C-alpha atoms as a PDB file:
ATOM      1  CA  MET A   1      -1.794  11.735 -11.326  1.00  0.00           C
ATOM      2  CA  THR A   2      -2.702   7.927 -11.718  1.00  0.00           C
ATOM      3  CA  LEU A   3      -4.922   5.998 -14.393  1.00  0.00           C
ATOM      4  CA  THR A   4      -6.433   2.785 -13.367  1.00  0.00           C
ATOM      5  CA  TYR A   5      -8.901   0.728 -15.769  1.00  0.00           C
ATOM      6  CA  VAL A   6     -11.430  -1.444 -14.475  1.00  0.00           C
ATOM      7  CA  TYR A   7     -12.400  -3.502 -17.273  1.00  0.00           C
ATOM      8  CA  ALA A   8     -15.107  -5.895 -16.204  1.00  0.00           C
ATOM      9  CA  ASP A   9     -16.742  -2.071 -15.088  1.00  0.00           C
ATOM     10  CA  SER A  10     -15.854   0.281 -18.700  1.00  0.00           C
ATOM     11  CA  VAL A  11     -14.639   2.259 -16.762  1.00  0.00           C
ATOM     12  CA  ALA A  12     -11.476   4.566 -15.921  1.00  0.00           C
ATOM     13  CA  VAL A  13     -10.547   6.396 -12.984  1.00  0.00           C
ATOM     14  CA  VAL A  14      -8.125   9.281 -12.831  1.00  0.00           C
ATOM     15  CA  GLY A  15      -6.939  10.300  -9.262  1.00  0.00           C
ATOM     16  CA  PRO A  16      -4.024  11.193  -7.394  1.00  0.00           C
ATOM     17  CA  LEU A  17      -0.983   9.426  -7.811  1.00  0.00           C
ATOM     18  CA  ALA A  18      -0.965   6.372  -5.923  1.00  0.00           C
ATOM     19  CA  THR A  19       1.875   5.469  -3.477  1.00  0.00           C
ATOM     20  CA  PHE A  20       1.675   1.515  -5.085  1.00  0.00           C
ATOM     21  CA  ALA A  21       2.338  -0.075  -8.030  1.00  0.00           C
ATOM     22  CA  GLU A  22      -1.108  -2.266  -9.253  1.00  0.00           C
ATOM     23  CA  PRO A  23      -2.240  -3.959 -12.493  1.00  0.00           C
ATOM     24  CA  HIS A  24      -3.448  -2.055 -14.673  1.00  0.00           C
ATOM     25  CA  SER A  25      -2.995   1.435 -13.376  1.00  0.00           C
ATOM     26  CA  TYR A  26      -0.278   3.871 -14.832  1.00  0.00           C
ATOM     27  CA  ASP A  27       1.186   6.764 -13.465  1.00  0.00           C
ATOM     28  CA  LEU A  28      -0.024  10.099 -16.129  1.00  0.00           C
ATOM     29  CA  CYS A  29       1.427  13.669 -15.784  1.00  0.00           C
ATOM     30  CA  GLU A  30      -0.928  16.689 -15.363  1.00  0.00           C
ATOM     31  CA  LEU A  31      -1.358  17.619 -18.859  1.00  0.00           C
ATOM     32  CA  HIS A  32      -2.166  13.773 -19.875  1.00  0.00           C
ATOM     33  CA  GLY A  33      -3.996  13.178 -17.054  1.00  0.00           C
ATOM     34  CA  ASP A  34      -6.361  16.300 -18.226  1.00  0.00           C
ATOM     35  CA  ARG A  35      -6.722  15.556 -21.644  1.00  0.00           C
ATOM     36  CA  LEU A  36      -7.354  12.171 -21.473  1.00  0.00           C
ATOM     37  CA  THR A  37     -10.476  10.353 -23.388  1.00  0.00           C
ATOM     38  CA  VAL A  38     -11.673   6.736 -23.256  1.00  0.00           C
ATOM     39  CA  PRO A  39     -13.760   4.600 -25.964  1.00  0.00           C
ATOM     40  CA  ASN A  40     -16.748   4.619 -26.248  1.00  0.00           C
ATOM     41  CA  GLY A  41     -19.230   3.489 -23.943  1.00  0.00           C
ATOM     42  CA  TRP A  42     -16.203   3.805 -21.013  1.00  0.00           C
ATOM     43  CA  ASN A  43     -17.277   6.126 -18.114  1.00  0.00           C
ATOM     44  CA  VAL A  44     -14.097   8.181 -16.717  1.00  0.00           C
ATOM     45  CA  ILE A  45     -14.415   8.773 -12.835  1.00  0.00           C
ATOM     46  CA  ARG A  46     -12.103  12.212 -12.223  1.00  0.00           C
ATOM     47  CA  GLN A  47     -10.716  12.712  -8.130  1.00  0.00           C
ATOM     48  CA  GLU A  48      -9.922  15.909  -7.482  1.00  0.00           C
ATOM     49  CA  ARG A  49      -6.439  16.811  -5.812  1.00  0.00           C
ATOM     50  CA  ASP A  50      -6.449  17.802  -2.317  1.00  0.00           C
ATOM     51  CA  ASP A  51      -3.652  19.986  -2.410  1.00  0.00           C
ATOM     52  CA  HIS A  52      -4.055  20.611   1.284  1.00  0.00           C
ATOM     53  CA  GLU A  53      -3.258  16.605   2.348  1.00  0.00           C
ATOM     54  CA  VAL A  54       0.166  15.675   2.070  1.00  0.00           C
ATOM     55  CA  GLY A  55       1.567  12.383   3.443  1.00  0.00           C
ATOM     56  CA  PRO A  56      -0.213   9.369   5.183  1.00  0.00           C
ATOM     57  CA  THR A  57      -3.365  10.237   6.849  1.00  0.00           C
ATOM     58  CA  HIS A  58      -3.992   9.263  10.917  1.00  0.00           C
ATOM     59  CA  ASP A  59      -5.668   5.856   9.059  1.00  0.00           C
ATOM     60  CA  ASP A  60      -2.755   4.983   7.586  1.00  0.00           C
ATOM     61  CA  LEU A  61      -0.630   5.409  10.409  1.00  0.00           C
ATOM     62  CA  MET A  62      -3.207   3.379  12.556  1.00  0.00           C
ATOM     63  CA  ALA A  63      -3.287   0.247  10.444  1.00  0.00           C
ATOM     64  CA  ILE A  64       1.259   0.121  10.191  1.00  0.00           C
ATOM     65  CA  ALA A  65       0.827  -0.080  13.899  1.00  0.00           C
ATOM     66  CA  ASP A  66      -1.681  -2.822  14.407  1.00  0.00           C
ATOM     67  CA  ALA A  67      -0.341  -4.912  11.581  1.00  0.00           C
ATOM     68  CA  VAL A  68       3.170  -4.400  13.680  1.00  0.00           C
ATOM     69  CA  ARG A  69       1.178  -4.963  17.085  1.00  0.00           C
ATOM     70  CA  GLU A  70      -0.555  -8.140  14.956  1.00  0.00           C
ATOM     71  CA  ALA A  71       2.655  -9.736  14.484  1.00  0.00           C
ATOM     72  CA  GLY A  72       4.670  -9.156  17.581  1.00  0.00           C
ATOM     73  CA  ASN A  73       2.023 -10.584  19.242  1.00  0.00           C
ATOM     74  CA  ASN A  74       1.574 -13.951  16.787  1.00  0.00           C
ATOM     75  CA  SER A  75       5.543 -14.474  16.920  1.00  0.00           C
ATOM     76  CA  SER A  76       6.110 -17.520  19.191  1.00  0.00           C
ATOM     77  CA  PRO A  77       9.110 -18.296  21.256  1.00  0.00           C
ATOM     78  CA  ASN A  78       9.805 -21.357  19.577  1.00  0.00           C
ATOM     79  CA  GLU A  79      10.682 -19.343  16.581  1.00  0.00           C
ATOM     80  CA  SER A  80      14.361 -19.067  14.773  1.00  0.00           C
ATOM     81  CA  ASN A  81      15.521 -16.351  13.425  1.00  0.00           C
ATOM     82  CA  GLU A  82      17.672 -16.696  10.480  1.00  0.00           C
ATOM     83  CA  GLY A  83      20.206 -19.281  11.858  1.00  0.00           C
ATOM     84  CA  VAL A  84      20.234 -17.556  15.186  1.00  0.00           C
ATOM     85  CA  SER A  85      19.226 -19.750  18.038  1.00  0.00           C
ATOM     86  CA  ASN A  86      16.574 -18.578  20.823  1.00  0.00           C
ATOM     87  CA  SER A  87      18.940 -19.472  23.594  1.00  0.00           C
ATOM     88  CA  GLN A  88      21.065 -16.660  21.782  1.00  0.00           C
ATOM     89  CA  ASN A  89      18.426 -14.168  21.239  1.00  0.00           C
ATOM     90  CA  PRO A  90      15.133 -15.091  23.148  1.00  0.00           C
ATOM     91  CA  GLN A  91      13.120 -11.922  22.552  1.00  0.00           C
ATOM     92  CA  THR A  92      13.761 -11.620  18.883  1.00  0.00           C
ATOM     93  CA  GLY A  93      11.016 -13.722  16.159  1.00  0.00           C
ATOM     94  CA  ARG A  94      10.432 -13.634  12.188  1.00  0.00           C
ATOM     95  CA  ARG A  95       7.012 -14.161  10.759  1.00  0.00           C
ATOM     96  CA  GLY A  96       6.890 -13.588   7.539  1.00  0.00           C
ATOM     97  CA  HIS A  97       8.471 -10.701   6.557  1.00  0.00           C
ATOM     98  CA  LEU A  98       7.991  -8.656   9.631  1.00  0.00           C
ATOM     99  CA  ARG A  99      10.677  -8.874  11.874  1.00  0.00           C
ATOM    100  CA  ALA A 100      10.362  -7.888  15.818  1.00  0.00           C
ATOM    101  CA  VAL A 101      14.157  -6.634  17.281  1.00  0.00           C
ATOM    102  CA  PRO A 102      14.169  -6.266  21.015  1.00  0.00           C
ATOM    103  CA  SER A 103      14.874  -2.266  21.979  1.00  0.00           C
END
């Protein structure tokens, strides 16, 4: 389970294990996640785990595909690729941390 604090709202959220790190979030074992208590005046929101849903959802995969497609459309042919001239490899561009590689 992952515990996330929202200090501004005095809320603690306990839910399924997060796939990435965030500030004010901590991974807990099941025992400690179930026994969690919060300070007076705070609320706890418990999100139930769905054991049937494993892996990325269709929406997750489509978001990744859209991001890759957008990065490919935004790269200009004048960009260089880490020292490789465009005349040697005209279809390979680099934008930020994403790289389009010709097939």
